[in-house]
Amino acid sequence: MERAAWNDDRGVTSPRDLRCSDVDRDRVAEALRQAAGEGRLTLSELEERLAATFAARTYGDLEPITEDLPEGPYPVPQVAGYMPAWRRSTAAGLPASRSERITTVLGDERRSGRWEVPSRLDVTCLVGEVVLDFTEAIVRHREVAVHVAALLGTVTLIVPDGIDVRMDLAASVLGETKQLTGPTTQGGPVYWIRGFVVLGSVVVRPPRQRRALFGR
């Protein structure tokens, strides 16, 4: 029987050939967003490098993307210390944290209804709109981190009453931020909004029923 190509490990000749994970891609994407917020990358450079990051399959693909930034090349794991992600999480007795990436370019993206919210959301909005409606969402985490990169785009978070939303953006360049939520409920989940805005906006608001009731 012919051996499947995907099961042939002879092509893995160095740690750079190992498959990278979503966590690795997210780290590189966050470094790129930070660099763009600091003026180290232009919008076109950010878009090009984010595309390369999301398409990366191995550590060798990720390594050069940040090599000219202060973070330096993305580190490649040492073979001796390498352990698959599923084995690390099993050894710790804890499930691996789940994250989700939302990217829109010249378009719109929406999450609403009974959707399960991961512990981390990475949202990149280039000349478009992303709406995250948490009104009926399933939230299993004490804290939810929403990392935003809004470039000429709008990111809107619709949150039910009592949610503690904390906006901690690294930079806002000719951008706009609005938080229209009311008092928070003690002991409830905390939503952290981090990232940056360039010629765009980040809006946090309650559902429309409450906005109409209070005239907002």
C-alpha atoms as a PDB file:
ATOM      1  CA  MET A   1       0.000   0.000   0.000  1.00  0.00           C
ATOM      2  CA  GLU A   2       1.337   3.400  -0.934  1.00  0.00           C
ATOM      3  CA  ARG A   3       2.066   5.564   2.086  1.00  0.00           C
ATOM      4  CA  ALA A   4       0.016   8.765   2.303  1.00  0.00           C
ATOM      5  CA  ALA A   5       2.072  11.900   1.599  1.00  0.00           C
ATOM      6  CA  TRP A   6       0.785  13.644   4.703  1.00  0.00           C
ATOM      7  CA  ASN A   7       2.075  10.748   6.833  1.00  0.00           C
ATOM      8  CA  ASP A   8       5.582  10.898   5.423  1.00  0.00           C
ATOM      9  CA  ASP A   9       7.825  12.561   8.021  1.00  0.00           C
ATOM     10  CA  ARG A  10      10.946  12.442   5.866  1.00  0.00           C
ATOM     11  CA  GLY A  11      10.202  16.023   4.746  1.00  0.00           C
ATOM     12  CA  VAL A  12      10.659  17.341   8.291  1.00  0.00           C
ATOM     13  CA  THR A  13      14.399  17.966   8.292  1.00  0.00           C
ATOM     14  CA  SER A  14      14.518  20.828  10.827  1.00  0.00           C
ATOM     15  CA  PRO A  15      12.298  22.501  13.450  1.00  0.00           C
ATOM     16  CA  ARG A  16      11.350  25.090  10.821  1.00  0.00           C
ATOM     17  CA  ASP A  17       9.419  22.371   8.990  1.00  0.00           C
ATOM     18  CA  LEU A  18       7.143  21.730  11.989  1.00  0.00           C
ATOM     19  CA  ARG A  19       3.562  22.863  11.611  1.00  0.00           C
ATOM     20  CA  CYS A  20       2.698  26.108  13.419  1.00  0.00           C
ATOM     21  CA  SER A  21      -0.561  26.592  15.327  1.00  0.00           C
ATOM     22  CA  ASP A  22      -3.290  29.229  15.476  1.00  0.00           C
ATOM     23  CA  VAL A  23      -1.663  30.488  18.689  1.00  0.00           C
ATOM     24  CA  ASP A  24       1.610  31.045  16.799  1.00  0.00           C
ATOM     25  CA  ARG A  25      -0.180  32.880  13.992  1.00  0.00           C
ATOM     26  CA  ASP A  26      -2.089  34.982  16.515  1.00  0.00           C
ATOM     27  CA  ARG A  27       1.154  36.044  18.202  1.00  0.00           C
ATOM     28  CA  VAL A  28       2.659  37.177  14.916  1.00  0.00           C
ATOM     29  CA  ALA A  29      -0.566  38.972  13.935  1.00  0.00           C
ATOM     30  CA  GLU A  30      -0.616  40.796  17.285  1.00  0.00           C
ATOM     31  CA  ALA A  31       3.004  41.887  16.795  1.00  0.00           C
ATOM     32  CA  LEU A  32       2.120  43.215  13.337  1.00  0.00           C
ATOM     33  CA  ARG A  33      -0.895  45.122  14.665  1.00  0.00           C
ATOM     34  CA  GLN A  34       1.262  46.646  17.386  1.00  0.00           C
ATOM     35  CA  ALA A  35       3.912  47.639  14.828  1.00  0.00           C
ATOM     36  CA  ALA A  36       1.295  49.272  12.608  1.00  0.00           C
ATOM     37  CA  GLY A  37      -0.113  51.178  15.583  1.00  0.00           C
ATOM     38  CA  GLU A  38       3.397  52.499  16.289  1.00  0.00           C
ATOM     39  CA  GLY A  39       3.853  53.604  12.670  1.00  0.00           C
ATOM     40  CA  ARG A  40       6.433  50.945  11.794  1.00  0.00           C
ATOM     41  CA  LEU A  41       4.264  49.439   9.029  1.00  0.00           C
ATOM     42  CA  THR A  42       2.060  51.077   6.439  1.00  0.00           C
ATOM     43  CA  LEU A  43      -1.512  49.872   5.927  1.00  0.00           C
ATOM     44  CA  SER A  44      -0.543  48.016   2.751  1.00  0.00           C
ATOM     45  CA  GLU A  45       2.414  46.373   4.495  1.00  0.00           C
ATOM     46  CA  LEU A  46       0.181  45.334   7.391  1.00  0.00           C
ATOM     47  CA  GLU A  47      -2.378  43.816   5.021  1.00  0.00           C
ATOM     48  CA  GLU A  48       0.324  41.943   3.086  1.00  0.00           C
ATOM     49  CA  ARG A  49       1.998  40.561   6.198  1.00  0.00           C
ATOM     50  CA  LEU A  50      -1.266  39.573   7.863  1.00  0.00           C
ATOM     51  CA  ALA A  51      -2.188  37.635   4.723  1.00  0.00           C
ATOM     52  CA  ALA A  52       1.179  35.840   4.861  1.00  0.00           C
ATOM     53  CA  THR A  53       0.693  35.141   8.572  1.00  0.00           C
ATOM     54  CA  PHE A  54      -2.758  33.601   8.164  1.00  0.00           C
ATOM     55  CA  ALA A  55      -1.482  31.492   5.234  1.00  0.00           C
ATOM     56  CA  ALA A  56       1.605  30.240   7.111  1.00  0.00           C
ATOM     57  CA  ARG A  57       1.798  26.473   7.631  1.00  0.00           C
ATOM     58  CA  THR A  58       5.191  26.048   9.315  1.00  0.00           C
ATOM     59  CA  TYR A  59       7.466  27.907  11.721  1.00  0.00           C
ATOM     60  CA  GLY A  60       9.738  28.551   8.770  1.00  0.00           C
ATOM     61  CA  ASP A  61       6.895  30.454   7.096  1.00  0.00           C
ATOM     62  CA  LEU A  62       6.340  32.620  10.196  1.00  0.00           C
ATOM     63  CA  GLU A  63       9.984  33.248  11.051  1.00  0.00           C
ATOM     64  CA  PRO A  64      10.801  36.031   8.521  1.00  0.00           C
ATOM     65  CA  ILE A  65       7.533  37.989   8.805  1.00  0.00           C
ATOM     66  CA  THR A  66       8.696  39.999  11.836  1.00  0.00           C
ATOM     67  CA  GLU A  67      12.464  39.798  11.345  1.00  0.00           C
ATOM     68  CA  ASP A  68      12.759  43.563  10.595  1.00  0.00           C
ATOM     69  CA  LEU A  69      10.662  44.524  13.638  1.00  0.00           C
ATOM     70  CA  PRO A  70      11.870  44.973  17.254  1.00  0.00           C
ATOM     71  CA  GLU A  71      10.334  41.574  18.131  1.00  0.00           C
ATOM     72  CA  GLY A  72      12.780  39.905  15.736  1.00  0.00           C
ATOM     73  CA  PRO A  73      12.162  36.650  13.817  1.00  0.00           C
ATOM     74  CA  TYR A  74       9.469  34.431  15.265  1.00  0.00           C
ATOM     75  CA  PRO A  75      11.192  31.789  17.464  1.00  0.00           C
ATOM     76  CA  VAL A  76      11.420  28.235  16.223  1.00  0.00           C
ATOM     77  CA  PRO A  77      10.989  25.531  18.909  1.00  0.00           C
ATOM     78  CA  GLN A  78      13.961  23.383  19.809  1.00  0.00           C
ATOM     79  CA  VAL A  79      13.526  19.736  18.827  1.00  0.00           C
ATOM     80  CA  ALA A  80      14.614  18.457  22.235  1.00  0.00           C
ATOM     81  CA  GLY A  81      12.027  20.530  24.067  1.00  0.00           C
ATOM     82  CA  TYR A  82       9.237  20.199  21.557  1.00  0.00           C
ATOM     83  CA  MET A  83       5.974  18.633  22.691  1.00  0.00           C
ATOM     84  CA  PRO A  84       2.738  18.591  20.666  1.00  0.00           C
ATOM     85  CA  ALA A  85       0.113  21.046  21.882  1.00  0.00           C
ATOM     86  CA  TRP A  86      -2.415  18.292  22.645  1.00  0.00           C
ATOM     87  CA  ARG A  87       0.112  16.513  24.829  1.00  0.00           C
ATOM     88  CA  ARG A  88       0.976  19.705  26.757  1.00  0.00           C
ATOM     89  CA  SER A  89      -2.685  20.413  27.504  1.00  0.00           C
ATOM     90  CA  THR A  90      -3.307  16.789  28.530  1.00  0.00           C
ATOM     91  CA  ALA A  91      -0.302  16.819  30.852  1.00  0.00           C
ATOM     92  CA  ALA A  92      -1.592  19.966  32.520  1.00  0.00           C
ATOM     93  CA  GLY A  93      -5.061  18.446  32.892  1.00  0.00           C
ATOM     94  CA  LEU A  94      -6.640  21.514  31.297  1.00  0.00           C
ATOM     95  CA  PRO A  95      -8.220  22.102  27.895  1.00  0.00           C
ATOM     96  CA  ALA A  96      -6.292  24.381  25.584  1.00  0.00           C
ATOM     97  CA  SER A  97      -7.654  27.911  25.317  1.00  0.00           C
ATOM     98  CA  ARG A  98      -9.736  28.405  22.205  1.00  0.00           C
ATOM     99  CA  SER A  99      -9.398  31.417  19.979  1.00  0.00           C
ATOM    100  CA  GLU A 100     -11.093  32.614  16.821  1.00  0.00           C
ATOM    101  CA  ARG A 101      -9.872  34.896  14.095  1.00  0.00           C
ATOM    102  CA  ILE A 102     -12.195  37.186  12.130  1.00  0.00           C
ATOM    103  CA  THR A 103     -10.785  39.027   9.123  1.00  0.00           C
ATOM    104  CA  THR A 104     -12.700  41.170   6.682  1.00  0.00           C
ATOM    105  CA  VAL A 105     -11.365  43.239   3.788  1.00  0.00           C
ATOM    106  CA  LEU A 106     -13.822  45.448   1.907  1.00  0.00           C
ATOM    107  CA  GLY A 107     -16.689  43.453   3.407  1.00  0.00           C
ATOM    108  CA  ASP A 108     -18.889  42.788   6.413  1.00  0.00           C
ATOM    109  CA  GLU A 109     -18.807  40.040   9.030  1.00  0.00           C
ATOM    110  CA  ARG A 110     -21.292  39.332  11.822  1.00  0.00           C
ATOM    111  CA  ARG A 111     -21.599  36.974  14.793  1.00  0.00           C
ATOM    112  CA  SER A 112     -25.030  36.797  16.402  1.00  0.00           C
ATOM    113  CA  GLY A 113     -27.592  34.450  17.900  1.00  0.00           C
ATOM    114  CA  ARG A 114     -26.522  31.394  19.950  1.00  0.00           C
ATOM    115  CA  TRP A 115     -22.831  31.378  19.117  1.00  0.00           C
ATOM    116  CA  GLU A 116     -20.139  30.198  21.527  1.00  0.00           C
ATOM    117  CA  VAL A 117     -17.649  32.894  22.430  1.00  0.00           C
ATOM    118  CA  PRO A 118     -13.995  31.778  22.665  1.00  0.00           C
ATOM    119  CA  SER A 119     -11.654  33.148  25.308  1.00  0.00           C
ATOM    120  CA  ARG A 120      -9.957  35.255  22.632  1.00  0.00           C
ATOM    121  CA  LEU A 121     -11.168  36.906  19.441  1.00  0.00           C
ATOM    122  CA  ASP A 122      -8.737  38.459  16.965  1.00  0.00           C
ATOM    123  CA  VAL A 123     -10.621  40.889  14.750  1.00  0.00           C
ATOM    124  CA  THR A 124      -8.998  42.540  11.734  1.00  0.00           C
ATOM    125  CA  CYS A 125     -11.258  44.940   9.843  1.00  0.00           C
ATOM    126  CA  LEU A 126      -9.865  46.624   6.724  1.00  0.00           C
ATOM    127  CA  VAL A 127     -12.339  49.010   5.076  1.00  0.00           C
ATOM    128  CA  GLY A 128     -15.390  47.084   6.241  1.00  0.00           C
ATOM    129  CA  GLU A 129     -17.512  46.323   9.271  1.00  0.00           C
ATOM    130  CA  VAL A 130     -17.505  43.605  11.920  1.00  0.00           C
ATOM    131  CA  VAL A 131     -20.442  43.224  14.319  1.00  0.00           C
ATOM    132  CA  LEU A 132     -20.141  40.986  17.381  1.00  0.00           C
ATOM    133  CA  ASP A 133     -23.553  40.553  19.011  1.00  0.00           C
ATOM    134  CA  PHE A 134     -23.196  38.973  22.464  1.00  0.00           C
ATOM    135  CA  THR A 135     -26.889  39.359  23.361  1.00  0.00           C
ATOM    136  CA  GLU A 136     -27.678  35.620  23.068  1.00  0.00           C
ATOM    137  CA  ALA A 137     -24.118  34.303  22.954  1.00  0.00           C
ATOM    138  CA  ILE A 138     -22.803  31.452  25.107  1.00  0.00           C
ATOM    139  CA  VAL A 139     -19.919  32.704  27.254  1.00  0.00           C
ATOM    140  CA  ARG A 140     -18.084  30.061  29.313  1.00  0.00           C
ATOM    141  CA  HIS A 141     -15.054  32.150  30.277  1.00  0.00           C
ATOM    142  CA  ARG A 142     -14.532  34.562  33.144  1.00  0.00           C
ATOM    143  CA  GLU A 143     -12.665  36.925  30.803  1.00  0.00           C
ATOM    144  CA  VAL A 144     -12.929  37.417  27.047  1.00  0.00           C
ATOM    145  CA  ALA A 145     -10.162  39.215  25.158  1.00  0.00           C
ATOM    146  CA  VAL A 146     -11.107  40.949  21.911  1.00  0.00           C
ATOM    147  CA  HIS A 147      -8.018  42.097  20.008  1.00  0.00           C
ATOM    148  CA  VAL A 148      -9.005  44.640  17.390  1.00  0.00           C
ATOM    149  CA  ALA A 149      -7.209  46.046  14.352  1.00  0.00           C
ATOM    150  CA  ALA A 150      -9.620  48.510  12.715  1.00  0.00           C
ATOM    151  CA  LEU A 151      -8.196  50.267   9.664  1.00  0.00           C
ATOM    152  CA  LEU A 152     -10.754  52.440   7.876  1.00  0.00           C
ATOM    153  CA  GLY A 153     -13.337  50.046   9.290  1.00  0.00           C
ATOM    154  CA  THR A 154     -15.865  49.753  12.094  1.00  0.00           C
ATOM    155  CA  VAL A 155     -15.983  47.129  14.830  1.00  0.00           C
ATOM    156  CA  THR A 156     -19.206  47.075  16.866  1.00  0.00           C
ATOM    157  CA  LEU A 157     -19.767  45.039  20.030  1.00  0.00           C
ATOM    158  CA  ILE A 158     -23.362  44.621  21.200  1.00  0.00           C
ATOM    159  CA  VAL A 159     -23.390  43.533  24.837  1.00  0.00           C
ATOM    160  CA  PRO A 160     -26.274  42.808  27.218  1.00  0.00           C
ATOM    161  CA  ASP A 161     -26.837  44.836  30.377  1.00  0.00           C
ATOM    162  CA  GLY A 162     -24.397  44.379  33.229  1.00  0.00           C
ATOM    163  CA  ILE A 163     -21.388  43.264  31.192  1.00  0.00           C
ATOM    164  CA  ASP A 164     -18.088  44.767  32.329  1.00  0.00           C
ATOM    165  CA  VAL A 165     -16.363  46.042  29.174  1.00  0.00           C
ATOM    166  CA  ARG A 166     -12.887  47.505  29.555  1.00  0.00           C
ATOM    167  CA  MET A 167     -11.353  49.281  26.575  1.00  0.00           C
ATOM    168  CA  ASP A 168      -7.564  49.285  26.592  1.00  0.00           C
ATOM    169  CA  LEU A 169      -6.493  50.206  23.062  1.00  0.00           C
ATOM    170  CA  ALA A 170      -2.784  50.622  22.394  1.00  0.00           C
ATOM    171  CA  ALA A 171      -3.339  53.390  19.830  1.00  0.00           C
ATOM    172  CA  SER A 172      -6.051  55.385  18.083  1.00  0.00           C
ATOM    173  CA  VAL A 173      -4.901  57.345  15.040  1.00  0.00           C
ATOM    174  CA  LEU A 174      -7.679  59.650  13.831  1.00  0.00           C
ATOM    175  CA  GLY A 175     -10.045  56.967  15.070  1.00  0.00           C
ATOM    176  CA  GLU A 176     -13.168  57.000  17.208  1.00  0.00           C
ATOM    177  CA  THR A 177     -14.163  54.929  20.213  1.00  0.00           C
ATOM    178  CA  LYS A 178     -17.590  54.884  21.847  1.00  0.00           C
ATOM    179  CA  GLN A 179     -18.741  52.976  24.918  1.00  0.00           C
ATOM    180  CA  LEU A 180     -22.476  53.302  25.517  1.00  0.00           C
ATOM    181  CA  THR A 181     -22.948  50.595  28.123  1.00  0.00           C
ATOM    182  CA  GLY A 182     -24.525  51.127  31.540  1.00  0.00           C
ATOM    183  CA  PRO A 183     -23.653  49.930  35.069  1.00  0.00           C
ATOM    184  CA  THR A 184     -21.903  46.571  35.376  1.00  0.00           C
ATOM    185  CA  THR A 185     -23.002  43.524  37.366  1.00  0.00           C
ATOM    186  CA  GLN A 186     -20.457  42.385  39.932  1.00  0.00           C
ATOM    187  CA  GLY A 187     -19.157  38.870  39.390  1.00  0.00           C
ATOM    188  CA  GLY A 188     -20.078  38.780  35.707  1.00  0.00           C
ATOM    189  CA  PRO A 189     -17.694  38.230  32.786  1.00  0.00           C
ATOM    190  CA  VAL A 190     -15.162  40.881  31.820  1.00  0.00           C
ATOM    191  CA  TYR A 191     -14.624  41.796  28.167  1.00  0.00           C
ATOM    192  CA  TRP A 192     -11.216  43.306  27.388  1.00  0.00           C
ATOM    193  CA  ILE A 193     -10.901  45.273  24.149  1.00  0.00           C
ATOM    194  CA  ARG A 194      -7.308  45.720  23.046  1.00  0.00           C
ATOM    195  CA  GLY A 195      -5.543  46.599  19.810  1.00  0.00           C
ATOM    196  CA  PHE A 196      -5.608  49.770  17.745  1.00  0.00           C
ATOM    197  CA  VAL A 197      -7.778  51.943  15.490  1.00  0.00           C
ATOM    198  CA  VAL A 198      -6.577  53.851  12.423  1.00  0.00           C
ATOM    199  CA  LEU A 199      -9.146  56.071  10.682  1.00  0.00           C
ATOM    200  CA  GLY A 200     -11.848  53.728  11.932  1.00  0.00           C
ATOM    201  CA  SER A 201     -14.057  53.197  14.957  1.00  0.00           C
ATOM    202  CA  VAL A 202     -14.778  50.793  17.796  1.00  0.00           C
ATOM    203  CA  VAL A 203     -18.269  51.002  19.296  1.00  0.00           C
ATOM    204  CA  VAL A 204     -19.602  49.165  22.342  1.00  0.00           C
ATOM    205  CA  ARG A 205     -23.350  49.477  22.783  1.00  0.00           C
ATOM    206  CA  PRO A 206     -26.341  47.716  24.363  1.00  0.00           C
ATOM    207  CA  PRO A 207     -29.055  45.998  22.292  1.00  0.00           C
ATOM    208  CA  ARG A 208     -31.289  48.316  20.301  1.00  0.00           C
ATOM    209  CA  GLN A 209     -34.257  47.825  22.650  1.00  0.00           C
ATOM    210  CA  ARG A 210     -32.373  49.439  25.501  1.00  0.00           C
ATOM    211  CA  ARG A 211     -30.991  52.185  23.241  1.00  0.00           C
ATOM    212  CA  ALA A 212     -34.518  53.092  22.183  1.00  0.00           C
ATOM    213  CA  LEU A 213     -35.730  53.074  25.798  1.00  0.00           C
ATOM    214  CA  PHE A 214     -33.071  55.535  26.915  1.00  0.00           C
ATOM    215  CA  GLY A 215     -33.029  57.537  23.704  1.00  0.00           C
ATOM    216  CA  ARG A 216     -29.490  56.560  22.668  1.00  0.00           C
END
